N, C-alpha and C. Protein backbone atom coordinates (compact mmCIF):
# COMPACT_ATOMS: atom_id res chain seq x y z
N MET A 1 -26.55 -39.77 98.53
CA MET A 1 -26.35 -38.54 97.80
C MET A 1 -27.66 -38.09 97.19
N TYR A 2 -27.88 -36.81 97.17
CA TYR A 2 -29.06 -36.24 96.55
C TYR A 2 -28.62 -35.39 95.38
N THR A 3 -29.42 -35.37 94.34
CA THR A 3 -29.08 -34.58 93.16
C THR A 3 -30.35 -33.94 92.61
N SER A 4 -30.19 -32.86 91.91
CA SER A 4 -31.34 -32.21 91.29
C SER A 4 -31.47 -32.59 89.82
N HIS A 5 -30.70 -33.58 89.39
CA HIS A 5 -30.73 -34.03 88.00
C HIS A 5 -31.34 -35.43 87.92
N ALA A 6 -32.45 -35.54 87.22
CA ALA A 6 -33.09 -36.84 87.05
C ALA A 6 -32.28 -37.69 86.09
N GLY A 7 -32.46 -38.99 86.22
CA GLY A 7 -31.79 -39.88 85.27
C GLY A 7 -30.83 -40.82 85.97
N ALA A 8 -29.75 -41.13 85.31
CA ALA A 8 -28.78 -42.10 85.80
C ALA A 8 -28.09 -41.60 87.07
N ALA A 9 -27.63 -42.54 87.85
CA ALA A 9 -26.92 -42.21 89.08
C ALA A 9 -25.57 -41.58 88.78
N VAL A 10 -25.13 -40.75 89.70
CA VAL A 10 -23.80 -40.15 89.61
C VAL A 10 -22.77 -41.27 89.81
N PRO A 11 -21.64 -41.26 89.10
CA PRO A 11 -20.64 -42.32 89.28
C PRO A 11 -20.27 -42.52 90.75
N GLY A 12 -20.26 -43.78 91.17
CA GLY A 12 -19.97 -44.10 92.55
C GLY A 12 -21.22 -44.25 93.40
N TYR A 13 -22.39 -43.89 92.87
CA TYR A 13 -23.66 -44.01 93.58
C TYR A 13 -24.62 -44.79 92.71
N ARG A 14 -25.72 -45.21 93.31
CA ARG A 14 -26.76 -45.88 92.53
C ARG A 14 -28.13 -45.35 92.97
N VAL A 15 -29.08 -45.38 92.07
CA VAL A 15 -30.44 -44.96 92.39
C VAL A 15 -31.06 -46.07 93.21
N GLU A 16 -31.49 -45.74 94.43
CA GLU A 16 -32.04 -46.75 95.33
C GLU A 16 -33.55 -46.73 95.41
N VAL A 17 -34.14 -45.57 95.27
CA VAL A 17 -35.58 -45.46 95.46
C VAL A 17 -36.19 -44.67 94.31
N ARG A 18 -37.49 -44.59 94.34
CA ARG A 18 -38.20 -43.82 93.33
C ARG A 18 -37.81 -42.35 93.43
N GLN A 19 -37.57 -41.74 92.31
CA GLN A 19 -37.19 -40.33 92.27
C GLN A 19 -38.43 -39.46 92.37
N PHE A 20 -38.24 -38.21 92.77
CA PHE A 20 -39.35 -37.29 92.90
C PHE A 20 -39.01 -35.95 92.26
N VAL A 21 -40.04 -35.16 92.03
CA VAL A 21 -39.92 -33.88 91.33
C VAL A 21 -40.06 -32.73 92.33
N VAL A 22 -39.19 -31.72 92.20
CA VAL A 22 -39.36 -30.48 92.96
C VAL A 22 -39.61 -29.36 91.94
N ASP A 23 -40.40 -28.39 92.33
CA ASP A 23 -40.68 -27.24 91.46
C ASP A 23 -39.56 -26.22 91.59
N GLN A 24 -39.22 -25.57 90.50
CA GLN A 24 -38.20 -24.53 90.55
C GLN A 24 -38.78 -23.18 90.98
N ASN A 25 -40.09 -23.02 90.86
CA ASN A 25 -40.76 -21.78 91.28
C ASN A 25 -41.67 -22.08 92.46
N PRO A 26 -41.67 -21.20 93.46
CA PRO A 26 -42.53 -21.45 94.61
C PRO A 26 -44.00 -21.34 94.24
N GLY A 27 -44.80 -22.21 94.85
CA GLY A 27 -46.24 -22.18 94.65
C GLY A 27 -46.90 -21.48 95.83
N GLU A 28 -48.21 -21.41 95.77
CA GLU A 28 -48.98 -20.73 96.82
C GLU A 28 -48.76 -21.35 98.19
N ASP A 29 -48.71 -22.67 98.25
CA ASP A 29 -48.57 -23.37 99.52
C ASP A 29 -47.34 -24.28 99.45
N SER A 30 -46.16 -23.68 99.22
CA SER A 30 -44.96 -24.50 99.04
C SER A 30 -43.93 -24.25 100.14
N ARG A 31 -43.01 -25.18 100.23
CA ARG A 31 -41.88 -25.10 101.14
C ARG A 31 -40.62 -25.24 100.30
N THR A 32 -39.59 -24.50 100.65
CA THR A 32 -38.31 -24.62 99.96
C THR A 32 -37.56 -25.83 100.51
N LEU A 33 -36.96 -26.61 99.61
CA LEU A 33 -36.22 -27.80 100.00
C LEU A 33 -34.72 -27.53 99.82
N TYR A 34 -33.97 -27.72 100.91
CA TYR A 34 -32.53 -27.43 100.91
C TYR A 34 -31.72 -28.72 101.04
N LEU A 35 -30.59 -28.76 100.35
CA LEU A 35 -29.60 -29.82 100.51
C LEU A 35 -28.56 -29.28 101.49
N CYS A 36 -28.31 -30.03 102.56
CA CYS A 36 -27.40 -29.60 103.62
C CYS A 36 -26.37 -30.69 103.87
N SER A 37 -25.32 -30.33 104.62
CA SER A 37 -24.30 -31.32 104.94
C SER A 37 -23.71 -31.05 106.31
N TYR A 38 -23.11 -32.10 106.88
CA TYR A 38 -22.33 -31.94 108.11
C TYR A 38 -21.15 -32.89 108.05
N GLN A 39 -20.12 -32.55 108.81
CA GLN A 39 -18.89 -33.34 108.83
C GLN A 39 -19.05 -34.57 109.71
N LEU A 40 -18.52 -35.68 109.23
CA LEU A 40 -18.47 -36.92 110.01
C LEU A 40 -17.07 -37.07 110.59
N LYS A 41 -16.96 -37.89 111.61
CA LYS A 41 -15.65 -38.26 112.16
C LYS A 41 -15.54 -39.76 112.08
N PRO A 42 -14.50 -40.36 111.49
CA PRO A 42 -13.40 -39.70 110.80
C PRO A 42 -13.90 -38.90 109.61
N PRO A 43 -13.02 -38.09 109.01
CA PRO A 43 -13.46 -37.16 107.98
C PRO A 43 -14.34 -37.79 106.90
N GLY A 44 -15.40 -37.12 106.65
CA GLY A 44 -16.37 -37.50 105.63
C GLY A 44 -17.51 -36.51 105.70
N ILE A 45 -18.43 -36.61 104.78
CA ILE A 45 -19.57 -35.69 104.74
C ILE A 45 -20.86 -36.49 104.63
N GLU A 46 -21.85 -36.11 105.39
CA GLU A 46 -23.20 -36.68 105.31
C GLU A 46 -24.12 -35.59 104.78
N HIS A 47 -24.93 -35.92 103.78
CA HIS A 47 -25.90 -34.98 103.22
C HIS A 47 -27.30 -35.31 103.71
N PHE A 48 -28.14 -34.30 103.82
CA PHE A 48 -29.54 -34.51 104.19
C PHE A 48 -30.39 -33.40 103.58
N LEU A 49 -31.70 -33.62 103.55
CA LEU A 49 -32.64 -32.64 103.03
C LEU A 49 -33.47 -32.08 104.16
N THR A 50 -33.78 -30.80 104.07
CA THR A 50 -34.60 -30.14 105.08
C THR A 50 -35.37 -28.98 104.44
N THR A 51 -36.39 -28.52 105.13
CA THR A 51 -37.11 -27.33 104.70
C THR A 51 -36.73 -26.13 105.57
N LYS A 52 -35.79 -26.31 106.45
CA LYS A 52 -35.34 -25.23 107.34
C LYS A 52 -34.20 -24.45 106.67
N PRO A 53 -34.37 -23.14 106.48
CA PRO A 53 -33.36 -22.34 105.77
C PRO A 53 -31.99 -22.35 106.44
N ASP A 54 -31.93 -22.57 107.76
CA ASP A 54 -30.63 -22.58 108.46
C ASP A 54 -29.99 -23.97 108.44
N CYS A 55 -30.59 -24.90 107.70
CA CYS A 55 -30.08 -26.28 107.58
C CYS A 55 -29.86 -26.92 108.96
N GLU A 56 -30.76 -26.55 109.89
CA GLU A 56 -30.71 -27.15 111.23
C GLU A 56 -29.33 -26.93 111.88
N SER A 57 -28.78 -25.76 111.63
CA SER A 57 -27.48 -25.32 112.16
C SER A 57 -26.28 -26.00 111.50
N PHE A 58 -26.50 -26.60 110.33
CA PHE A 58 -25.39 -27.20 109.57
C PHE A 58 -25.18 -26.39 108.29
N ASP A 59 -24.37 -26.90 107.38
CA ASP A 59 -24.00 -26.16 106.17
C ASP A 59 -25.00 -26.36 105.04
N ARG A 60 -25.43 -25.25 104.44
CA ARG A 60 -26.30 -25.34 103.27
C ARG A 60 -25.43 -25.53 102.04
N VAL A 61 -25.76 -26.57 101.25
CA VAL A 61 -25.04 -26.87 100.02
C VAL A 61 -25.76 -26.26 98.83
N ALA A 62 -27.10 -26.39 98.80
CA ALA A 62 -27.86 -25.90 97.65
C ALA A 62 -29.33 -25.77 98.01
N THR A 63 -30.01 -24.95 97.25
CA THR A 63 -31.46 -24.89 97.28
C THR A 63 -31.93 -25.76 96.12
N LEU A 64 -32.67 -26.84 96.42
CA LEU A 64 -33.07 -27.78 95.37
C LEU A 64 -34.32 -27.35 94.64
N GLY A 65 -35.23 -26.68 95.33
CA GLY A 65 -36.49 -26.29 94.71
C GLY A 65 -37.57 -26.19 95.76
N HIS A 66 -38.81 -26.42 95.32
CA HIS A 66 -39.96 -26.23 96.22
C HIS A 66 -40.85 -27.46 96.18
N ILE A 67 -41.37 -27.80 97.35
CA ILE A 67 -42.30 -28.91 97.48
C ILE A 67 -43.58 -28.38 98.10
N SER A 68 -44.66 -29.10 97.95
CA SER A 68 -45.94 -28.66 98.47
C SER A 68 -46.05 -28.93 99.97
N ALA A 69 -46.72 -28.03 100.66
CA ALA A 69 -46.98 -28.22 102.09
C ALA A 69 -48.21 -29.10 102.31
N ALA A 70 -48.96 -29.35 101.24
CA ALA A 70 -50.19 -30.14 101.34
C ALA A 70 -50.27 -31.17 100.22
N ARG A 71 -50.91 -32.29 100.52
CA ARG A 71 -51.14 -33.31 99.50
C ARG A 71 -52.22 -32.81 98.55
N THR A 72 -51.93 -32.87 97.25
CA THR A 72 -52.89 -32.46 96.23
C THR A 72 -52.86 -33.50 95.11
N GLY A 73 -53.68 -33.34 94.10
CA GLY A 73 -53.65 -34.22 92.95
C GLY A 73 -52.33 -34.11 92.19
N ARG A 74 -51.70 -32.95 92.27
CA ARG A 74 -50.42 -32.73 91.60
C ARG A 74 -49.24 -33.19 92.44
N THR A 75 -49.42 -33.24 93.75
CA THR A 75 -48.35 -33.65 94.69
C THR A 75 -48.91 -34.71 95.65
N PRO A 76 -49.12 -35.93 95.16
CA PRO A 76 -49.80 -36.95 95.96
C PRO A 76 -48.92 -37.73 96.94
N ARG A 77 -47.59 -37.63 96.83
CA ARG A 77 -46.70 -38.49 97.61
C ARG A 77 -46.04 -37.74 98.76
N ALA A 78 -46.11 -38.32 99.97
CA ALA A 78 -45.45 -37.74 101.13
C ALA A 78 -43.94 -37.98 101.03
N LEU A 79 -43.17 -36.93 101.24
CA LEU A 79 -41.71 -37.02 101.27
C LEU A 79 -41.31 -37.17 102.74
N LEU A 80 -40.85 -38.35 103.10
CA LEU A 80 -40.61 -38.72 104.49
C LEU A 80 -39.14 -38.55 104.88
N ARG A 81 -38.91 -38.14 106.11
CA ARG A 81 -37.54 -38.08 106.63
C ARG A 81 -37.45 -39.03 107.82
N CYS A 82 -36.47 -39.92 107.76
CA CYS A 82 -36.26 -40.92 108.79
C CYS A 82 -34.88 -40.69 109.41
N TYR A 83 -34.71 -41.17 110.66
CA TYR A 83 -33.47 -40.97 111.40
C TYR A 83 -32.93 -42.30 111.89
N GLY A 84 -31.65 -42.34 112.06
CA GLY A 84 -31.01 -43.52 112.63
C GLY A 84 -29.55 -43.23 112.83
N SER A 85 -28.77 -44.29 112.92
CA SER A 85 -27.34 -44.11 113.04
C SER A 85 -26.64 -45.20 112.26
N VAL A 86 -25.45 -44.89 111.84
CA VAL A 86 -24.59 -45.85 111.15
C VAL A 86 -23.48 -46.19 112.12
N GLU A 87 -23.34 -47.46 112.43
CA GLU A 87 -22.26 -47.88 113.30
C GLU A 87 -21.42 -48.91 112.58
N GLY A 88 -20.13 -48.73 112.60
CA GLY A 88 -19.24 -49.67 111.93
C GLY A 88 -17.81 -49.46 112.35
N LEU A 89 -16.94 -50.23 111.78
CA LEU A 89 -15.53 -50.13 112.12
C LEU A 89 -14.94 -48.79 111.71
N GLU A 90 -15.43 -48.24 110.59
CA GLU A 90 -14.85 -47.01 110.06
C GLU A 90 -15.50 -45.75 110.61
N ARG A 91 -16.78 -45.82 110.97
CA ARG A 91 -17.43 -44.60 111.46
C ARG A 91 -18.70 -44.92 112.23
N THR A 92 -19.05 -44.01 113.10
CA THR A 92 -20.33 -44.02 113.78
C THR A 92 -20.90 -42.62 113.61
N ALA A 93 -22.09 -42.54 113.07
CA ALA A 93 -22.64 -41.22 112.78
C ALA A 93 -24.15 -41.26 112.71
N LYS A 94 -24.73 -40.10 112.84
CA LYS A 94 -26.15 -39.91 112.62
C LYS A 94 -26.42 -40.17 111.14
N ARG A 95 -27.57 -40.71 110.84
CA ARG A 95 -27.93 -40.96 109.45
C ARG A 95 -29.34 -40.46 109.21
N ASP A 96 -29.52 -39.76 108.12
CA ASP A 96 -30.83 -39.27 107.71
C ASP A 96 -31.17 -39.91 106.37
N LEU A 97 -32.42 -40.27 106.20
CA LEU A 97 -32.87 -40.85 104.95
C LEU A 97 -34.14 -40.13 104.54
N VAL A 98 -34.21 -39.71 103.28
CA VAL A 98 -35.43 -39.13 102.72
C VAL A 98 -35.95 -40.12 101.70
N THR A 99 -37.23 -40.45 101.81
CA THR A 99 -37.80 -41.49 100.96
C THR A 99 -39.28 -41.21 100.72
N LEU A 100 -39.82 -41.87 99.71
CA LEU A 100 -41.26 -41.86 99.45
C LEU A 100 -41.91 -43.14 99.98
N ASP A 101 -41.12 -44.05 100.50
CA ASP A 101 -41.59 -45.37 100.91
C ASP A 101 -41.37 -45.59 102.41
N MET A 102 -42.45 -45.61 103.18
CA MET A 102 -42.38 -45.78 104.63
C MET A 102 -41.66 -47.07 105.02
N ARG A 103 -41.67 -48.08 104.14
CA ARG A 103 -41.00 -49.35 104.46
C ARG A 103 -39.49 -49.16 104.63
N GLU A 104 -38.94 -48.10 104.05
CA GLU A 104 -37.51 -47.84 104.21
C GLU A 104 -37.17 -47.28 105.59
N CYS A 105 -38.18 -46.82 106.31
CA CYS A 105 -37.98 -46.29 107.67
C CYS A 105 -38.15 -47.43 108.66
N ALA A 106 -37.41 -48.50 108.47
CA ALA A 106 -37.53 -49.68 109.31
C ALA A 106 -36.16 -50.10 109.81
N GLY A 107 -36.13 -51.11 110.64
CA GLY A 107 -34.86 -51.61 111.16
C GLY A 107 -34.24 -50.61 112.09
N ASP A 108 -33.02 -50.16 111.77
CA ASP A 108 -32.33 -49.21 112.64
C ASP A 108 -32.73 -47.76 112.35
N LEU A 109 -33.68 -47.55 111.43
CA LEU A 109 -34.18 -46.21 111.14
C LEU A 109 -35.56 -46.03 111.76
N LYS A 110 -35.86 -44.82 112.17
CA LYS A 110 -37.17 -44.48 112.73
C LYS A 110 -37.76 -43.33 111.94
N PHE A 111 -39.08 -43.37 111.74
CA PHE A 111 -39.77 -42.29 111.04
C PHE A 111 -39.64 -41.00 111.85
N GLY A 112 -39.29 -39.91 111.16
CA GLY A 112 -39.17 -38.60 111.80
C GLY A 112 -40.39 -37.74 111.53
N PHE A 113 -40.55 -37.32 110.27
CA PHE A 113 -41.67 -36.46 109.92
C PHE A 113 -41.82 -36.37 108.41
N VAL A 114 -42.90 -35.74 107.97
CA VAL A 114 -43.15 -35.48 106.55
C VAL A 114 -42.57 -34.11 106.21
N LEU A 115 -41.63 -34.08 105.27
CA LEU A 115 -41.05 -32.82 104.81
C LEU A 115 -42.06 -32.00 104.02
N GLY A 116 -42.88 -32.69 103.22
CA GLY A 116 -43.86 -32.06 102.36
C GLY A 116 -44.37 -33.10 101.38
N TYR A 117 -44.92 -32.64 100.27
CA TYR A 117 -45.53 -33.54 99.29
C TYR A 117 -44.99 -33.26 97.90
N VAL A 118 -44.80 -34.33 97.13
CA VAL A 118 -44.18 -34.24 95.81
C VAL A 118 -44.90 -35.15 94.83
N ASN A 119 -44.51 -35.05 93.58
CA ASN A 119 -44.92 -36.00 92.55
C ASN A 119 -43.72 -36.86 92.24
N ASP A 120 -43.91 -38.17 92.17
CA ASP A 120 -42.78 -39.06 91.90
C ASP A 120 -42.64 -39.30 90.41
N ILE A 121 -41.45 -39.76 90.03
CA ILE A 121 -41.16 -40.08 88.64
C ILE A 121 -41.29 -41.58 88.50
N ARG A 122 -42.22 -42.04 87.73
CA ARG A 122 -42.42 -43.48 87.50
C ARG A 122 -41.32 -43.99 86.59
N GLN A 123 -40.68 -45.09 87.02
CA GLN A 123 -39.60 -45.66 86.21
C GLN A 123 -40.00 -47.02 85.68
């Protein structure tokens, strides 16, 4: 799950990785970050982040804010998108992961691309 509210995890979820900051106002060299979703079978919803306004032909849930298109002193961390699949007794589905840590793009996940650059929240 992705949220635009920093702090404690939403009930039923837990914070797994370092949080990052998005700007609410677009900058000179920024990209808009969208929260999108698609239906799983059996019924369920998978959320993912993208900079594509059409949500890659899926449903747009929200506009989260803006991230930098370039690494700067203010936005030093690459926001990575990784791909894989979830296979199990209950469901088999595409899985997307957005992270600041390349080590999370391992195992059954593969690195996809850099969405943009952000500043992380030190915890």
